[in-house]
Amino acid sequence: MNIKSQNAALRRKAATINGLIALGATMIGVTVASPIPAFWRGLMTGVWIAGTVGLIGGQVFLQRAHRWR
């Protein structure tokens, strides 16, 4: 795989992860503002935060792994 296709693959993966991070951030806001019982609001907010933090960590790993090649 040449450098150009490696960069294109990284951009595709990074764009997908960026989109998922944006979705996670949106869902955190929606969950916090929704009129559901406090227990479920707290649970779902925690789930979305954990997922979003995991995606951010995945993006950092992806970019660092690409840099070390």
Protein backbone atom coordinates (compact mmCIF):
# COMPACT_ATOMS: atom_id res chain seq x y z
CA MET A 1 0.00 0.00 0.00
CA ASN A 2 1.50 3.31 -1.01
CA ILE A 3 1.57 6.48 1.06
CA LYS A 4 -1.31 8.13 -0.80
CA SER A 5 -3.71 5.25 -0.20
CA GLN A 6 -2.57 4.98 3.43
CA ASN A 7 -3.39 8.65 3.96
CA ALA A 8 -6.76 8.20 2.25
CA ALA A 9 -7.54 5.22 4.49
CA LEU A 10 -6.57 7.22 7.59
CA ARG A 11 -8.76 10.14 6.49
CA ARG A 12 -11.73 7.80 5.94
CA LYS A 13 -11.31 6.16 9.34
CA ALA A 14 -10.78 9.51 11.08
CA ALA A 15 -13.84 11.00 9.38
CA THR A 16 -15.98 8.06 10.48
CA ILE A 17 -14.75 8.33 14.06
CA ASN A 18 -15.29 12.13 14.02
CA GLY A 19 -18.88 11.58 12.92
CA LEU A 20 -19.48 9.05 15.68
CA ILE A 21 -17.94 11.41 18.26
CA ALA A 22 -20.28 14.19 17.07
CA LEU A 23 -23.23 11.80 17.32
CA GLY A 24 -22.17 10.85 20.85
CA ALA A 25 -21.90 14.49 21.89
CA THR A 26 -25.34 15.19 20.44
CA MET A 27 -26.86 12.21 22.22
CA ILE A 28 -25.33 13.31 25.53
CA GLY A 29 -27.08 16.67 25.14
CA VAL A 30 -30.37 15.05 24.13
CA THR A 31 -30.25 12.61 27.04
CA VAL A 32 -29.44 15.29 29.60
CA ALA A 33 -32.32 17.46 28.36
CA SER A 34 -34.89 14.66 28.02
CA PRO A 35 -37.84 14.40 30.42
CA ILE A 36 -37.12 10.89 31.67
CA PRO A 37 -36.64 9.68 35.27
CA ALA A 38 -33.34 10.75 36.83
CA PHE A 39 -32.01 7.19 37.11
CA TRP A 40 -32.39 6.49 33.40
CA ARG A 41 -31.13 9.95 32.45
CA GLY A 42 -27.99 9.38 34.53
CA LEU A 43 -27.50 5.86 33.20
CA MET A 44 -27.87 6.82 29.55
CA THR A 45 -25.71 9.91 29.96
CA GLY A 46 -22.98 7.71 31.44
CA VAL A 47 -23.29 5.21 28.60
CA TRP A 48 -22.99 7.93 25.95
CA ILE A 49 -20.08 9.60 27.75
CA ALA A 50 -18.22 6.29 28.05
CA GLY A 51 -18.77 5.54 24.37
CA THR A 52 -17.66 8.99 23.28
CA VAL A 53 -14.53 8.87 25.45
CA GLY A 54 -13.77 5.43 24.01
CA LEU A 55 -14.08 6.79 20.47
CA ILE A 56 -11.79 9.72 21.28
CA GLY A 57 -9.24 7.24 22.65
CA GLY A 58 -9.61 5.14 19.51
CA GLN A 59 -8.97 8.16 17.33
CA VAL A 60 -5.84 9.06 19.31
CA PHE A 61 -4.62 5.47 18.97
CA LEU A 62 -5.34 5.44 15.22
CA GLN A 63 -3.46 8.67 14.60
CA ARG A 64 -0.50 7.67 16.77
CA ALA A 65 -0.29 4.26 15.10
CA HIS A 66 -0.32 5.94 11.68
CA ARG A 67 2.40 8.37 12.73
CA TRP A 68 4.70 5.55 13.89
CA ARG A 69 4.57 3.75 10.50
